[in-house]
């Protein structure tokens, strides 16, 4: 029977990483879940202070996010897009009208189609 001294794998101390070995080691980055955010210009904050409905705030934040995602180009705003924000179609139209009156967006109304929104810089 051979002794444990003959077995090179018997001593766990032999297999520990030394500081020299770890010098080039870069740990894997843990993946964080991406979270969406919205930057709100101060001009919008000041004007939204005059808004009368909570739906206006919800639609405004959604509009700013879409404006950013679309690189500032006009976009259509469907009922289902704002339904996720808890806004019903009638409230969407009221909010868009209010945002328009506050001078934050222009709304192109299209018969039987979603409105086209342009953010005023």
C-alpha atoms as a PDB file:
ATOM      1  CA  UNK A   1       0.000   0.000   0.000  1.00  0.00           C
ATOM      2  CA  UNK A   2       1.427   3.350  -0.931  1.00  0.00           C
ATOM      3  CA  UNK A   3       1.462   6.272   1.506  1.00  0.00           C
ATOM      4  CA  UNK A   4      -0.382   9.528   1.003  1.00  0.00           C
ATOM      5  CA  UNK A   5       2.976  11.290   0.558  1.00  0.00           C
ATOM      6  CA  UNK A   6       3.345   9.666  -2.876  1.00  0.00           C
ATOM      7  CA  UNK A   7       0.031  11.114  -4.089  1.00  0.00           C
ATOM      8  CA  UNK A   8       0.556  14.679  -5.463  1.00  0.00           C
ATOM      9  CA  UNK A   9      -3.175  15.473  -5.051  1.00  0.00           C
ATOM     10  CA  UNK A  10      -3.394  14.430  -1.419  1.00  0.00           C
ATOM     11  CA  UNK A  11      -2.192  17.751   0.012  1.00  0.00           C
ATOM     12  CA  UNK A  12      -4.799  20.525  -0.611  1.00  0.00           C
ATOM     13  CA  UNK A  13      -2.254  23.222   0.339  1.00  0.00           C
ATOM     14  CA  UNK A  14      -0.440  22.495  -2.913  1.00  0.00           C
ATOM     15  CA  UNK A  15      -3.477  23.581  -4.929  1.00  0.00           C
ATOM     16  CA  UNK A  16      -4.207  26.946  -3.344  1.00  0.00           C
ATOM     17  CA  UNK A  17      -3.960  30.019  -5.527  1.00  0.00           C
ATOM     18  CA  UNK A  18      -1.061  32.298  -4.696  1.00  0.00           C
ATOM     19  CA  UNK A  19      -1.277  36.117  -4.874  1.00  0.00           C
ATOM     20  CA  UNK A  20       0.934  35.971  -7.980  1.00  0.00           C
ATOM     21  CA  UNK A  21      -1.544  33.629  -9.672  1.00  0.00           C
ATOM     22  CA  UNK A  22      -4.477  35.914  -8.808  1.00  0.00           C
ATOM     23  CA  UNK A  23      -2.783  39.093 -10.049  1.00  0.00           C
ATOM     24  CA  UNK A  24      -4.230  38.744 -13.565  1.00  0.00           C
ATOM     25  CA  UNK A  25      -7.611  37.402 -12.459  1.00  0.00           C
ATOM     26  CA  UNK A  26     -10.595  39.628 -13.191  1.00  0.00           C
ATOM     27  CA  UNK A  27     -13.856  38.433 -11.646  1.00  0.00           C
ATOM     28  CA  UNK A  28     -16.930  38.131 -13.842  1.00  0.00           C
ATOM     29  CA  UNK A  29     -19.234  41.085 -13.572  1.00  0.00           C
ATOM     30  CA  UNK A  30     -22.538  40.199 -12.068  1.00  0.00           C
ATOM     31  CA  UNK A  31     -25.379  41.126 -14.377  1.00  0.00           C
ATOM     32  CA  UNK A  32     -27.655  43.688 -12.893  1.00  0.00           C
ATOM     33  CA  UNK A  33     -31.160  43.947 -14.081  1.00  0.00           C
ATOM     34  CA  UNK A  34     -31.466  47.004 -16.305  1.00  0.00           C
ATOM     35  CA  UNK A  35     -33.828  49.567 -14.940  1.00  0.00           C
ATOM     36  CA  UNK A  36     -35.477  52.252 -17.012  1.00  0.00           C
ATOM     37  CA  UNK A  37     -35.360  55.873 -15.966  1.00  0.00           C
ATOM     38  CA  UNK A  38     -36.558  59.226 -17.234  1.00  0.00           C
ATOM     39  CA  UNK A  39     -34.695  62.522 -17.176  1.00  0.00           C
ATOM     40  CA  UNK A  40     -37.132  65.383 -16.737  1.00  0.00           C
ATOM     41  CA  UNK A  41     -36.028  68.836 -17.910  1.00  0.00           C
ATOM     42  CA  UNK A  42     -36.599  71.541 -15.307  1.00  0.00           C
ATOM     43  CA  UNK A  43     -38.773  73.430 -17.782  1.00  0.00           C
ATOM     44  CA  UNK A  44     -41.139  70.442 -17.771  1.00  0.00           C
ATOM     45  CA  UNK A  45     -41.133  70.315 -13.965  1.00  0.00           C
ATOM     46  CA  UNK A  46     -42.133  73.975 -13.784  1.00  0.00           C
ATOM     47  CA  UNK A  47     -44.891  73.633 -16.356  1.00  0.00           C
ATOM     48  CA  UNK A  48     -46.206  70.319 -15.058  1.00  0.00           C
ATOM     49  CA  UNK A  49     -46.725  72.004 -11.694  1.00  0.00           C
ATOM     50  CA  UNK A  50     -49.731  73.658 -13.364  1.00  0.00           C
ATOM     51  CA  UNK A  51     -51.172  70.331 -14.579  1.00  0.00           C
ATOM     52  CA  UNK A  52     -54.584  69.395 -13.238  1.00  0.00           C
ATOM     53  CA  UNK A  53     -54.612  65.617 -13.731  1.00  0.00           C
ATOM     54  CA  UNK A  54     -52.339  62.787 -12.596  1.00  0.00           C
ATOM     55  CA  UNK A  55     -52.737  61.256 -16.064  1.00  0.00           C
ATOM     56  CA  UNK A  56     -50.905  64.279 -17.441  1.00  0.00           C
ATOM     57  CA  UNK A  57     -47.859  63.428 -15.336  1.00  0.00           C
ATOM     58  CA  UNK A  58     -47.978  59.784 -16.339  1.00  0.00           C
ATOM     59  CA  UNK A  59     -48.302  60.577 -20.029  1.00  0.00           C
ATOM     60  CA  UNK A  60     -45.599  63.271 -19.754  1.00  0.00           C
ATOM     61  CA  UNK A  61     -43.092  60.804 -18.295  1.00  0.00           C
ATOM     62  CA  UNK A  62     -43.954  58.242 -20.961  1.00  0.00           C
ATOM     63  CA  UNK A  63     -43.591  60.882 -23.686  1.00  0.00           C
ATOM     64  CA  UNK A  64     -40.181  61.965 -22.380  1.00  0.00           C
ATOM     65  CA  UNK A  65     -38.988  58.361 -22.273  1.00  0.00           C
ATOM     66  CA  UNK A  66     -40.186  57.668 -25.832  1.00  0.00           C
ATOM     67  CA  UNK A  67     -38.663  60.955 -27.004  1.00  0.00           C
ATOM     68  CA  UNK A  68     -35.303  59.877 -25.593  1.00  0.00           C
ATOM     69  CA  UNK A  69     -35.536  56.300 -26.926  1.00  0.00           C
ATOM     70  CA  UNK A  70     -36.490  57.571 -30.378  1.00  0.00           C
ATOM     71  CA  UNK A  71     -33.575  60.045 -30.537  1.00  0.00           C
ATOM     72  CA  UNK A  72     -35.924  63.020 -30.481  1.00  0.00           C
ATOM     73  CA  UNK A  73     -37.993  62.041 -33.517  1.00  0.00           C
ATOM     74  CA  UNK A  74     -41.807  62.310 -33.533  1.00  0.00           C
ATOM     75  CA  UNK A  75     -43.595  59.104 -32.516  1.00  0.00           C
ATOM     76  CA  UNK A  76     -47.101  57.679 -32.313  1.00  0.00           C
ATOM     77  CA  UNK A  77     -48.682  57.218 -28.913  1.00  0.00           C
ATOM     78  CA  UNK A  78     -51.061  54.271 -28.843  1.00  0.00           C
ATOM     79  CA  UNK A  79     -53.657  53.537 -26.187  1.00  0.00           C
ATOM     80  CA  UNK A  80     -51.871  50.321 -25.221  1.00  0.00           C
ATOM     81  CA  UNK A  81     -48.577  52.188 -24.711  1.00  0.00           C
ATOM     82  CA  UNK A  82     -50.052  54.320 -21.935  1.00  0.00           C
ATOM     83  CA  UNK A  83     -52.348  51.592 -20.610  1.00  0.00           C
ATOM     84  CA  UNK A  84     -49.252  50.161 -18.928  1.00  0.00           C
ATOM     85  CA  UNK A  85     -48.979  53.466 -17.060  1.00  0.00           C
ATOM     86  CA  UNK A  86     -52.573  53.152 -15.858  1.00  0.00           C
ATOM     87  CA  UNK A  87     -54.008  55.699 -18.284  1.00  0.00           C
ATOM     88  CA  UNK A  88     -57.265  55.060 -20.138  1.00  0.00           C
ATOM     89  CA  UNK A  89     -57.760  56.299 -23.731  1.00  0.00           C
ATOM     90  CA  UNK A  90     -59.997  59.237 -22.793  1.00  0.00           C
ATOM     91  CA  UNK A  91     -57.523  60.367 -20.112  1.00  0.00           C
ATOM     92  CA  UNK A  92     -54.680  60.018 -22.637  1.00  0.00           C
ATOM     93  CA  UNK A  93     -56.370  62.543 -24.908  1.00  0.00           C
ATOM     94  CA  UNK A  94     -57.055  64.917 -22.016  1.00  0.00           C
ATOM     95  CA  UNK A  95     -53.424  64.624 -20.902  1.00  0.00           C
ATOM     96  CA  UNK A  96     -52.128  65.284 -24.417  1.00  0.00           C
ATOM     97  CA  UNK A  97     -54.372  68.313 -24.687  1.00  0.00           C
ATOM     98  CA  UNK A  98     -53.066  69.594 -21.364  1.00  0.00           C
ATOM     99  CA  UNK A  99     -49.429  68.967 -22.369  1.00  0.00           C
ATOM    100  CA  UNK A 100     -50.119  70.860 -25.576  1.00  0.00           C
ATOM    101  CA  UNK A 101     -51.633  73.804 -23.667  1.00  0.00           C
ATOM    102  CA  UNK A 102     -48.587  73.818 -21.363  1.00  0.00           C
ATOM    103  CA  UNK A 103     -46.383  74.196 -24.451  1.00  0.00           C
ATOM    104  CA  UNK A 104     -44.493  70.948 -23.985  1.00  0.00           C
ATOM    105  CA  UNK A 105     -45.617  68.953 -27.038  1.00  0.00           C
ATOM    106  CA  UNK A 106     -47.393  69.287 -30.341  1.00  0.00           C
ATOM    107  CA  UNK A 107     -50.012  66.683 -31.180  1.00  0.00           C
ATOM    108  CA  UNK A 108     -50.875  65.691 -34.727  1.00  0.00           C
ATOM    109  CA  UNK A 109     -54.413  64.322 -34.512  1.00  0.00           C
ATOM    110  CA  UNK A 110     -55.127  61.676 -37.118  1.00  0.00           C
ATOM    111  CA  UNK A 111     -58.610  60.346 -37.724  1.00  0.00           C
ATOM    112  CA  UNK A 112     -59.014  56.781 -36.379  1.00  0.00           C
ATOM    113  CA  UNK A 113     -55.257  56.496 -35.769  1.00  0.00           C
ATOM    114  CA  UNK A 114     -52.897  57.083 -32.858  1.00  0.00           C
ATOM    115  CA  UNK A 115     -51.725  60.676 -32.476  1.00  0.00           C
ATOM    116  CA  UNK A 116     -48.245  61.674 -33.562  1.00  0.00           C
ATOM    117  CA  UNK A 117     -46.341  63.430 -30.767  1.00  0.00           C
ATOM    118  CA  UNK A 118     -43.477  65.895 -31.143  1.00  0.00           C
ATOM    119  CA  UNK A 119     -41.703  67.157 -28.030  1.00  0.00           C
ATOM    120  CA  UNK A 120     -40.994  70.902 -28.067  1.00  0.00           C
ATOM    121  CA  UNK A 121     -37.364  71.481 -27.063  1.00  0.00           C
END
